[in-house]
Amino acid sequence: MFVDVAVDAMVGMTSHIIFIFLAWKALESVQIEKLFRKNKETESKILYILLSIALGTSASNFFLDFINWSQQITYLLE
């Protein structure tokens, strides 16, 4: 029982990290720095980080929910 909880935790953390990284890579192509004034690189990087976390976490939650739902479909067939 505790092993299942630990595996779920590891899968969830790994999924979040992967999707946050993918969101970061995708946001790098947007060039948000152009929206900021000169000498505001720190603020633009903070925005990149926050947007990456928001987008990555949302995508990861969808992915994890989809896996969970697909596992629960087996109960419908019983």
PDB file of N, CA and C in Angstrom:
ATOM      1  N   MET A   1       0.824  -1.191   0.000  1.00  0.00           N
ATOM      2  CA  MET A   1       0.000   0.000   0.000  1.00  0.00           C
ATOM      3  C   MET A   1       0.867   1.254   0.000  1.00  0.00           C
ATOM      4  N   PHE A   2       1.868   1.293   0.876  1.00  0.00           N
ATOM      5  CA  PHE A   2       2.736   2.466   0.925  1.00  0.00           C
ATOM      6  C   PHE A   2       3.593   2.576  -0.324  1.00  0.00           C
ATOM      7  N   VAL A   3       3.882   1.436  -0.936  1.00  0.00           N
ATOM      8  CA  VAL A   3       4.663   1.452  -2.172  1.00  0.00           C
ATOM      9  C   VAL A   3       3.868   2.121  -3.285  1.00  0.00           C
ATOM     10  N   ASP A   4       2.576   1.857  -3.360  1.00  0.00           N
ATOM     11  CA  ASP A   4       1.728   2.485  -4.373  1.00  0.00           C
ATOM     12  C   ASP A   4       1.695   4.001  -4.202  1.00  0.00           C
ATOM     13  N   VAL A   5       1.604   4.447  -2.975  1.00  0.00           N
ATOM     14  CA  VAL A   5       1.591   5.884  -2.702  1.00  0.00           C
ATOM     15  C   VAL A   5       2.924   6.509  -3.103  1.00  0.00           C
ATOM     16  N   ALA A   6       4.021   5.829  -2.786  1.00  0.00           N
ATOM     17  CA  ALA A   6       5.343   6.338  -3.132  1.00  0.00           C
ATOM     18  C   ALA A   6       5.547   6.381  -4.645  1.00  0.00           C
ATOM     19  N   VAL A   7       5.082   5.357  -5.341  1.00  0.00           N
ATOM     20  CA  VAL A   7       5.210   5.337  -6.797  1.00  0.00           C
ATOM     21  C   VAL A   7       4.374   6.457  -7.410  1.00  0.00           C
ATOM     22  N   ASP A   8       3.169   6.655  -6.921  1.00  0.00           N
ATOM     23  CA  ASP A   8       2.328   7.747  -7.413  1.00  0.00           C
ATOM     24  C   ASP A   8       3.000   9.103  -7.191  1.00  0.00           C
ATOM     25  N   ALA A   9       3.621   9.273  -6.042  1.00  0.00           N
ATOM     26  CA  ALA A   9       4.311  10.526  -5.739  1.00  0.00           C
ATOM     27  C   ALA A   9       5.484  10.753  -6.689  1.00  0.00           C
ATOM     28  N   MET A  10       6.252   9.719  -6.938  1.00  0.00           N
ATOM     29  CA  MET A  10       7.404   9.845  -7.840  1.00  0.00           C
ATOM     30  C   MET A  10       6.961  10.122  -9.276  1.00  0.00           C
ATOM     31  N   VAL A  11       5.911   9.445  -9.718  1.00  0.00           N
ATOM     32  CA  VAL A  11       5.393   9.678 -11.073  1.00  0.00           C
ATOM     33  C   VAL A  11       4.864  11.106 -11.183  1.00  0.00           C
ATOM     34  N   GLY A  12       4.164  11.571 -10.176  1.00  0.00           N
ATOM     35  CA  GLY A  12       3.622  12.929 -10.190  1.00  0.00           C
ATOM     36  C   GLY A  12       4.711  13.987 -10.204  1.00  0.00           C
ATOM     37  N   MET A  13       5.714  13.823  -9.354  1.00  0.00           N
ATOM     38  CA  MET A  13       6.808  14.803  -9.316  1.00  0.00           C
ATOM     39  C   MET A  13       7.600  14.808 -10.621  1.00  0.00           C
ATOM     40  N   THR A  14       7.866  13.626 -11.146  1.00  0.00           N
ATOM     41  CA  THR A  14       8.603  13.534 -12.406  1.00  0.00           C
ATOM     42  C   THR A  14       7.811  14.146 -13.547  1.00  0.00           C
ATOM     43  N   SER A  15       6.520  13.883 -13.581  1.00  0.00           N
ATOM     44  CA  SER A  15       5.666  14.444 -14.623  1.00  0.00           C
ATOM     45  C   SER A  15       5.657  15.967 -14.556  1.00  0.00           C
ATOM     46  N   HIS A  16       5.514  16.515 -13.363  1.00  0.00           N
ATOM     47  CA  HIS A  16       5.500  17.971 -13.215  1.00  0.00           C
ATOM     48  C   HIS A  16       6.820  18.575 -13.693  1.00  0.00           C
ATOM     49  N   ILE A  17       7.927  17.993 -13.309  1.00  0.00           N
ATOM     50  CA  ILE A  17       9.230  18.530 -13.706  1.00  0.00           C
ATOM     51  C   ILE A  17       9.393  18.479 -15.223  1.00  0.00           C
ATOM     52  N   ILE A  18       9.024  17.371 -15.832  1.00  0.00           N
ATOM     53  CA  ILE A  18       9.154  17.235 -17.285  1.00  0.00           C
ATOM     54  C   ILE A  18       8.281  18.258 -18.009  1.00  0.00           C
ATOM     55  N   PHE A  19       7.031  18.389 -17.581  1.00  0.00           N
ATOM     56  CA  PHE A  19       6.138  19.323 -18.263  1.00  0.00           C
ATOM     57  C   PHE A  19       6.527  20.776 -18.014  1.00  0.00           C
ATOM     58  N   ILE A  20       7.056  21.103 -16.846  1.00  0.00           N
ATOM     59  CA  ILE A  20       7.542  22.465 -16.597  1.00  0.00           C
ATOM     60  C   ILE A  20       8.736  22.753 -17.503  1.00  0.00           C
ATOM     61  N   PHE A  21       9.628  21.779 -17.657  1.00  0.00           N
ATOM     62  CA  PHE A  21      10.763  21.945 -18.563  1.00  0.00           C
ATOM     63  C   PHE A  21      10.296  22.146 -20.003  1.00  0.00           C
ATOM     64  N   LEU A  22       9.326  21.345 -20.436  1.00  0.00           N
ATOM     65  CA  LEU A  22       8.796  21.498 -21.799  1.00  0.00           C
ATOM     66  C   LEU A  22       8.133  22.861 -21.996  1.00  0.00           C
ATOM     67  N   ALA A  23       7.412  23.331 -20.983  1.00  0.00           N
ATOM     68  CA  ALA A  23       6.781  24.650 -21.073  1.00  0.00           C
ATOM     69  C   ALA A  23       7.848  25.739 -21.152  1.00  0.00           C
ATOM     70  N   TRP A  24       8.934  25.581 -20.384  1.00  0.00           N
ATOM     71  CA  TRP A  24      10.030  26.553 -20.420  1.00  0.00           C
ATOM     72  C   TRP A  24      10.617  26.627 -21.826  1.00  0.00           C
ATOM     73  N   LYS A  25      10.874  25.449 -22.423  1.00  0.00           N
ATOM     74  CA  LYS A  25      11.448  25.410 -23.768  1.00  0.00           C
ATOM     75  C   LYS A  25      10.490  26.037 -24.786  1.00  0.00           C
ATOM     76  N   ALA A  26       9.213  25.775 -24.634  1.00  0.00           N
ATOM     77  CA  ALA A  26       8.233  26.347 -25.563  1.00  0.00           C
ATOM     78  C   ALA A  26       8.142  27.864 -25.403  1.00  0.00           C
ATOM     79  N   LEU A  27       8.209  28.349 -24.171  1.00  0.00           N
ATOM     80  CA  LEU A  27       8.108  29.790 -23.934  1.00  0.00           C
ATOM     81  C   LEU A  27       9.346  30.549 -24.390  1.00  0.00           C
ATOM     82  N   GLU A  28      10.476  29.873 -24.488  1.00  0.00           N
ATOM     83  CA  GLU A  28      11.684  30.554 -24.960  1.00  0.00           C
ATOM     84  C   GLU A  28      11.528  31.077 -26.378  1.00  0.00           C
ATOM     85  N   SER A  29      10.668  30.475 -27.161  1.00  0.00           N
ATOM     86  CA  SER A  29      10.478  30.922 -28.541  1.00  0.00           C
ATOM     87  C   SER A  29       9.553  32.133 -28.649  1.00  0.00           C
ATOM     88  N   VAL A  30       8.898  32.516 -27.560  1.00  0.00           N
ATOM     89  CA  VAL A  30       7.925  33.606 -27.615  1.00  0.00           C
ATOM     90  C   VAL A  30       8.589  34.976 -27.555  1.00  0.00           C
ATOM     91  N   GLN A  31       9.753  35.099 -26.959  1.00  0.00           N
ATOM     92  CA  GLN A  31      10.490  36.357 -26.801  1.00  0.00           C
ATOM     93  C   GLN A  31       9.698  37.391 -25.993  1.00  0.00           C
ATOM     94  N   ILE A  32       9.406  37.023 -24.782  1.00  0.00           N
ATOM     95  CA  ILE A  32       8.665  37.903 -23.877  1.00  0.00           C
ATOM     96  C   ILE A  32       9.489  39.133 -23.506  1.00  0.00           C
ATOM     97  N   GLU A  33      10.816  39.041 -23.633  1.00  0.00           N
ATOM     98  CA  GLU A  33      11.683  40.166 -23.248  1.00  0.00           C
ATOM     99  C   GLU A  33      11.324  41.448 -23.991  1.00  0.00           C
ATOM    100  N   LYS A  34      10.788  41.320 -25.189  1.00  0.00           N
ATOM    101  CA  LYS A  34      10.452  42.505 -25.984  1.00  0.00           C
ATOM    102  C   LYS A  34       9.306  43.297 -25.376  1.00  0.00           C
ATOM    103  N   LEU A  35       8.528  42.682 -24.495  1.00  0.00           N
ATOM    104  CA  LEU A  35       7.432  43.391 -23.832  1.00  0.00           C
ATOM    105  C   LEU A  35       7.919  44.248 -22.671  1.00  0.00           C
ATOM    106  N   PHE A  36       9.145  44.011 -22.219  1.00  0.00           N
ATOM    107  CA  PHE A  36       9.692  44.715 -21.069  1.00  0.00           C
ATOM    108  C   PHE A  36      10.625  45.836 -21.518  1.00  0.00           C
ATOM    109  N   ARG A  37      10.790  46.810 -20.645  1.00  0.00           N
ATOM    110  CA  ARG A  37      11.741  47.883 -20.919  1.00  0.00           C
ATOM    111  C   ARG A  37      13.161  47.356 -20.808  1.00  0.00           C
ATOM    112  N   LYS A  38      14.100  48.137 -21.286  1.00  0.00           N
ATOM    113  CA  LYS A  38      15.503  47.755 -21.170  1.00  0.00           C
ATOM    114  C   LYS A  38      15.883  47.645 -19.698  1.00  0.00           C
ATOM    115  N   ASN A  39      16.851  46.804 -19.417  1.00  0.00           N
ATOM    116  CA  ASN A  39      17.363  46.568 -18.059  1.00  0.00           C
ATOM    117  C   ASN A  39      16.317  45.935 -17.141  1.00  0.00           C
ATOM    118  N   LYS A  40      15.374  45.202 -17.698  1.00  0.00           N
ATOM    119  CA  LYS A  40      14.356  44.491 -16.909  1.00  0.00           C
ATOM    120  C   LYS A  40      14.432  42.995 -17.192  1.00  0.00           C
ATOM    121  N   GLU A  41      15.652  42.471 -17.357  1.00  0.00           N
ATOM    122  CA  GLU A  41      15.833  41.053 -17.662  1.00  0.00           C
ATOM    123  C   GLU A  41      15.354  40.165 -16.520  1.00  0.00           C
ATOM    124  N   THR A  42      15.570  40.623 -15.293  1.00  0.00           N
ATOM    125  CA  THR A  42      15.170  39.829 -14.131  1.00  0.00           C
ATOM    126  C   THR A  42      13.662  39.618 -14.113  1.00  0.00           C
ATOM    127  N   GLU A  43      12.920  40.680 -14.381  1.00  0.00           N
ATOM    128  CA  GLU A  43      11.468  40.576 -14.381  1.00  0.00           C
ATOM    129  C   GLU A  43      10.976  39.657 -15.497  1.00  0.00           C
ATOM    130  N   SER A  44      11.623  39.713 -16.641  1.00  0.00           N
ATOM    131  CA  SER A  44      11.194  38.833 -17.734  1.00  0.00           C
ATOM    132  C   SER A  44      11.505  37.376 -17.412  1.00  0.00           C
ATOM    133  N   LYS A  45      12.623  37.094 -16.749  1.00  0.00           N
ATOM    134  CA  LYS A  45      12.949  35.716 -16.351  1.00  0.00           C
ATOM    135  C   LYS A  45      11.969  35.209 -15.291  1.00  0.00           C
ATOM    136  N   ILE A  46      11.567  36.083 -14.376  1.00  0.00           N
ATOM    137  CA  ILE A  46      10.579  35.694 -13.365  1.00  0.00           C
ATOM    138  C   ILE A  46       9.257  35.344 -14.043  1.00  0.00           C
ATOM    139  N   LEU A  47       8.873  36.126 -15.049  1.00  0.00           N
ATOM    140  CA  LEU A  47       7.651  35.829 -15.791  1.00  0.00           C
ATOM    141  C   LEU A  47       7.767  34.492 -16.514  1.00  0.00           C
ATOM    142  N   TYR A  48       8.933  34.222 -17.128  1.00  0.00           N
ATOM    143  CA  TYR A  48       9.176  32.923 -17.761  1.00  0.00           C
ATOM    144  C   TYR A  48       8.989  31.785 -16.756  1.00  0.00           C
ATOM    145  N   ILE A  49       9.562  31.948 -15.580  1.00  0.00           N
ATOM    146  CA  ILE A  49       9.487  30.896 -14.555  1.00  0.00           C
ATOM    147  C   ILE A  49       8.043  30.666 -14.128  1.00  0.00           C
ATOM    148  N   LEU A  50       7.328  31.752 -13.832  1.00  0.00           N
ATOM    149  CA  LEU A  50       5.944  31.616 -13.368  1.00  0.00           C
ATOM    150  C   LEU A  50       5.027  31.039 -14.452  1.00  0.00           C
ATOM    151  N   LEU A  51       5.201  31.488 -15.679  1.00  0.00           N
ATOM    152  CA  LEU A  51       4.390  30.942 -16.774  1.00  0.00           C
ATOM    153  C   LEU A  51       4.730  29.481 -17.037  1.00  0.00           C
ATOM    154  N   SER A  52       6.003  29.142 -16.936  1.00  0.00           N
ATOM    155  CA  SER A  52       6.402  27.745 -17.124  1.00  0.00           C
ATOM    156  C   SER A  52       5.784  26.851 -16.068  1.00  0.00           C
ATOM    157  N   ILE A  53       5.788  27.309 -14.832  1.00  0.00           N
ATOM    158  CA  ILE A  53       5.193  26.522 -13.751  1.00  0.00           C
ATOM    159  C   ILE A  53       3.697  26.380 -13.961  1.00  0.00           C
ATOM    160  N   ALA A  54       3.031  27.470 -14.317  1.00  0.00           N
ATOM    161  CA  ALA A  54       1.575  27.423 -14.516  1.00  0.00           C
ATOM    162  C   ALA A  54       1.195  26.504 -15.678  1.00  0.00           C
ATOM    163  N   LEU A  55       1.849  26.680 -16.818  1.00  0.00           N
ATOM    164  CA  LEU A  55       1.525  25.855 -17.986  1.00  0.00           C
ATOM    165  C   LEU A  55       1.936  24.401 -17.779  1.00  0.00           C
ATOM    166  N   GLY A  56       3.133  24.191 -17.237  1.00  0.00           N
ATOM    167  CA  GLY A  56       3.627  22.837 -17.028  1.00  0.00           C
ATOM    168  C   GLY A  56       2.796  22.058 -16.030  1.00  0.00           C
ATOM    169  N   THR A  57       2.403  22.722 -14.952  1.00  0.00           N
ATOM    170  CA  THR A  57       1.596  22.060 -13.939  1.00  0.00           C
ATOM    171  C   THR A  57       0.207  21.720 -14.480  1.00  0.00           C
ATOM    172  N   SER A  58      -0.375  22.621 -15.252  1.00  0.00           N
ATOM    173  CA  SER A  58      -1.686  22.346 -15.841  1.00  0.00           C
ATOM    174  C   SER A  58      -1.625  21.163 -16.802  1.00  0.00           C
ATOM    175  N   ALA A  59      -0.621  21.146 -17.649  1.00  0.00           N
ATOM    176  CA  ALA A  59      -0.470  20.040 -18.590  1.00  0.00           C
ATOM    177  C   ALA A  59      -0.188  18.731 -17.858  1.00  0.00           C
ATOM    178  N   SER A  60       0.639  18.789 -16.833  1.00  0.00           N
ATOM    179  CA  SER A  60       0.963  17.592 -16.065  1.00  0.00           C
ATOM    180  C   SER A  60      -0.269  17.058 -15.328  1.00  0.00           C
ATOM    181  N   ASN A  61      -1.055  17.959 -14.749  1.00  0.00           N
ATOM    182  CA  ASN A  61      -2.273  17.527 -14.063  1.00  0.00           C
ATOM    183  C   ASN A  61      -3.236  16.851 -15.035  1.00  0.00           C
ATOM    184  N   PHE A  62      -3.369  17.400 -16.239  1.00  0.00           N
ATOM    185  CA  PHE A  62      -4.213  16.754 -17.242  1.00  0.00           C
ATOM    186  C   PHE A  62      -3.681  15.358 -17.565  1.00  0.00           C
ATOM    187  N   PHE A  63      -2.382  15.244 -17.784  1.00  0.00           N
ATOM    188  CA  PHE A  63      -1.753  13.976 -18.105  1.00  0.00           C
ATOM    189  C   PHE A  63      -1.969  12.951 -16.987  1.00  0.00           C
ATOM    190  N   LEU A  64      -1.735  13.368 -15.744  1.00  0.00           N
ATOM    191  CA  LEU A  64      -1.899  12.460 -14.605  1.00  0.00           C
ATOM    192  C   LEU A  64      -3.367  12.090 -14.398  1.00  0.00           C
ATOM    193  N   ASP A  65      -4.274  13.057 -14.580  1.00  0.00           N
ATOM    194  CA  ASP A  65      -5.700  12.755 -14.478  1.00  0.00           C
ATOM    195  C   ASP A  65      -6.125  11.766 -15.552  1.00  0.00           C
ATOM    196  N   PHE A  66      -5.618  11.944 -16.757  1.00  0.00           N
ATOM    197  CA  PHE A  66      -5.962  11.042 -17.855  1.00  0.00           C
ATOM    198  C   PHE A  66      -5.501   9.620 -17.551  1.00  0.00           C
ATOM    199  N   ILE A  67      -4.298   9.475 -17.017  1.00  0.00           N
ATOM    200  CA  ILE A  67      -3.806   8.151 -16.626  1.00  0.00           C
ATOM    201  C   ILE A  67      -4.686   7.557 -15.538  1.00  0.00           C
ATOM    202  N   ASN A  68      -5.033   8.356 -14.550  1.00  0.00           N
ATOM    203  CA  ASN A  68      -5.881   7.891 -13.448  1.00  0.00           C
ATOM    204  C   ASN A  68      -7.255   7.470 -13.960  1.00  0.00           C
ATOM    205  N   TRP A  69      -7.834   8.262 -14.848  1.00  0.00           N
ATOM    206  CA  TRP A  69      -9.144   7.926 -15.391  1.00  0.00           C
ATOM    207  C   TRP A  69      -9.084   6.648 -16.211  1.00  0.00           C
ATOM    208  N   SER A  70      -8.025   6.488 -16.984  1.00  0.00           N
ATOM    209  CA  SER A  70      -7.926   5.281 -17.808  1.00  0.00           C
ATOM    210  C   SER A  70      -7.767   4.032 -16.943  1.00  0.00           C
ATOM    211  N   GLN A  71      -7.157   4.169 -15.783  1.00  0.00           N
ATOM    212  CA  GLN A  71      -7.058   3.034 -14.864  1.00  0.00           C
ATOM    213  C   GLN A  71      -8.398   2.737 -14.206  1.00  0.00           C
ATOM    214  N   GLN A  72      -9.211   3.758 -14.000  1.00  0.00           N
ATOM    215  CA  GLN A  72     -10.503   3.568 -13.358  1.00  0.00           C
ATOM    216  C   GLN A  72     -11.553   3.009 -14.307  1.00  0.00           C
ATOM    217  N   ILE A  73     -11.346   3.062 -15.601  1.00  0.00           N
ATOM    218  CA  ILE A  73     -12.300   2.533 -16.557  1.00  0.00           C
ATOM    219  C   ILE A  73     -12.462   1.020 -16.365  1.00  0.00           C
ATOM    220  N   THR A  74     -11.446   0.357 -15.883  1.00  0.00           N
ATOM    221  CA  THR A  74     -11.538  -1.088 -15.675  1.00  0.00           C
ATOM    222  C   THR A  74     -12.646  -1.438 -14.678  1.00  0.00           C
ATOM    223  N   TYR A  75     -12.967  -0.517 -13.754  1.00  0.00           N
ATOM    224  CA  TYR A  75     -14.044  -0.777 -12.792  1.00  0.00           C
ATOM    225  C   TYR A  75     -15.404  -0.798 -13.470  1.00  0.00           C
ATOM    226  N   LEU A  76     -15.518  -0.112 -14.607  1.00  0.00           N
ATOM    227  CA  LEU A  76     -16.773  -0.087 -15.357  1.00  0.00           C
ATOM    228  C   LEU A  76     -17.043  -1.460 -15.979  1.00  0.00           C
ATOM    229  N   LEU A  77     -15.999  -2.187 -16.298  1.00  0.00           N
ATOM    230  CA  LEU A  77     -16.151  -3.468 -16.963  1.00  0.00           C
ATOM    231  C   LEU A  77     -16.408  -4.619 -15.994  1.00  0.00           C
ATOM    232  N   GLU A  78     -16.329  -4.361 -14.707  1.00  0.00           N
ATOM    233  CA  GLU A  78     -16.536  -5.436 -13.727  1.00  0.00           C
ATOM    234  C   GLU A  78     -18.002  -5.699 -13.483  1.00  0.00           C
TER     235      GLU A  78
END
